[in-house]
Amino acid sequence: MPRGRQRVYTDIQGLASGRLVALDEVDPQYRVINDAGEGRAPDRRIRCSCACGKEAIIRLNDFLQGKSRSCGCAKGPKRLGNACV
């Protein structure tokens, strides 16, 4: 594969990342590329099932890069210093 090119995933169903398993792709959301509001590119999103039983919709890139590993259930309590909040 040439350098700088990304893989195009057409069938993501069944792929796993952490506690998430990809179910299907949903309609993309568009984001603004520059400050002038020109050049919109789609942000591919997928629906995932988490091990805790919830479903989440996340960005495909975050899923493939391992940045999204759960629906949020694995974050645990917030910590401030040595005290839990």
Protein backbone atom coordinates (compact mmCIF):
# COMPACT_ATOMS: atom_id res chain seq x y z
CA MET A 1 0.00 0.00 0.00
CA PRO A 2 1.42 3.44 -0.90
CA ARG A 3 2.54 5.58 1.98
CA GLY A 4 0.00 8.13 3.20
CA ARG A 5 -3.00 6.18 1.92
CA GLN A 6 -5.62 4.89 4.31
CA ARG A 7 -7.45 1.61 4.06
CA VAL A 8 -11.07 1.82 3.03
CA TYR A 9 -13.16 -0.42 5.25
CA THR A 10 -16.33 -1.48 3.51
CA ASP A 11 -17.42 -4.25 5.88
CA ILE A 12 -16.82 -3.27 9.50
CA GLN A 13 -19.45 -5.56 11.01
CA GLY A 14 -17.91 -7.77 13.70
CA LEU A 15 -14.66 -5.80 14.15
CA ALA A 16 -13.77 -5.37 17.83
CA SER A 17 -11.93 -2.64 19.74
CA GLY A 18 -11.71 -3.01 23.50
CA ARG A 19 -15.23 -3.61 24.84
CA LEU A 20 -16.88 -2.50 21.56
CA VAL A 21 -18.01 -4.61 18.61
CA ALA A 22 -19.01 -2.85 15.39
CA LEU A 23 -22.59 -3.50 14.25
CA ASP A 24 -23.10 -1.29 11.19
CA GLU A 25 -22.33 2.08 9.66
CA VAL A 26 -24.74 4.98 10.18
CA ASP A 27 -25.24 8.18 8.17
CA PRO A 28 -22.07 10.29 8.19
CA GLN A 29 -21.90 13.65 9.93
CA TYR A 30 -20.22 16.48 8.11
CA ARG A 31 -17.53 18.67 9.64
CA VAL A 32 -16.01 21.97 8.57
CA ILE A 33 -12.41 21.69 7.39
CA ASN A 34 -11.38 25.36 7.41
CA ASP A 35 -12.45 28.51 9.27
CA ALA A 36 -14.23 29.91 6.20
CA GLY A 37 -16.66 26.99 6.32
CA GLU A 38 -15.53 25.62 2.98
CA GLY A 39 -14.68 22.06 2.13
CA ARG A 40 -16.85 19.73 4.11
CA ALA A 41 -15.73 16.14 4.54
CA PRO A 42 -17.83 13.30 5.93
CA ASP A 43 -17.01 11.89 9.34
CA ARG A 44 -17.87 8.19 9.05
CA ARG A 45 -19.70 6.88 12.12
CA ILE A 46 -20.56 3.38 13.24
CA ARG A 47 -23.01 1.87 15.71
CA CYS A 48 -21.32 -0.40 18.24
CA SER A 49 -22.45 -2.77 20.94
CA CYS A 50 -20.58 -2.57 24.25
CA ALA A 51 -19.89 -5.49 26.60
CA CYS A 52 -22.09 -3.79 29.23
CA GLY A 53 -25.11 -4.08 26.90
CA LYS A 54 -25.39 -0.46 25.73
CA GLU A 55 -25.05 0.75 22.16
CA ALA A 56 -22.93 3.72 21.13
CA ILE A 57 -22.37 5.67 17.91
CA ILE A 58 -18.73 6.63 17.47
CA ARG A 59 -16.38 7.87 14.75
CA LEU A 60 -14.97 5.08 12.60
CA ASN A 61 -11.43 6.51 12.80
CA ASP A 62 -11.53 6.56 16.62
CA PHE A 63 -12.72 2.94 16.61
CA LEU A 64 -10.02 1.75 14.20
CA GLN A 65 -7.23 3.65 16.00
CA GLY A 66 -8.29 2.30 19.41
CA LYS A 67 -9.24 5.73 20.81
CA SER A 68 -12.81 4.57 21.57
CA ARG A 69 -12.70 1.35 23.55
CA SER A 70 -16.03 1.46 25.43
CA CYS A 71 -19.35 3.31 25.53
CA GLY A 72 -18.10 5.22 28.57
CA CYS A 73 -18.82 2.50 31.12
CA ALA A 74 -15.10 1.73 31.63
CA LYS A 75 -14.12 5.26 32.64
CA GLY A 76 -14.91 4.77 36.32
CA PRO A 77 -15.21 7.58 38.87
CA LYS A 78 -13.46 10.88 38.27
CA ARG A 79 -10.43 11.52 40.44
CA LEU A 80 -9.27 14.83 41.83
CA GLY A 81 -5.90 14.35 43.47
CA ASN A 82 -6.33 11.41 45.83
CA ALA A 83 -10.08 11.82 46.29
CA CYS A 84 -12.77 10.24 44.08
CA VAL A 85 -15.62 12.50 43.00
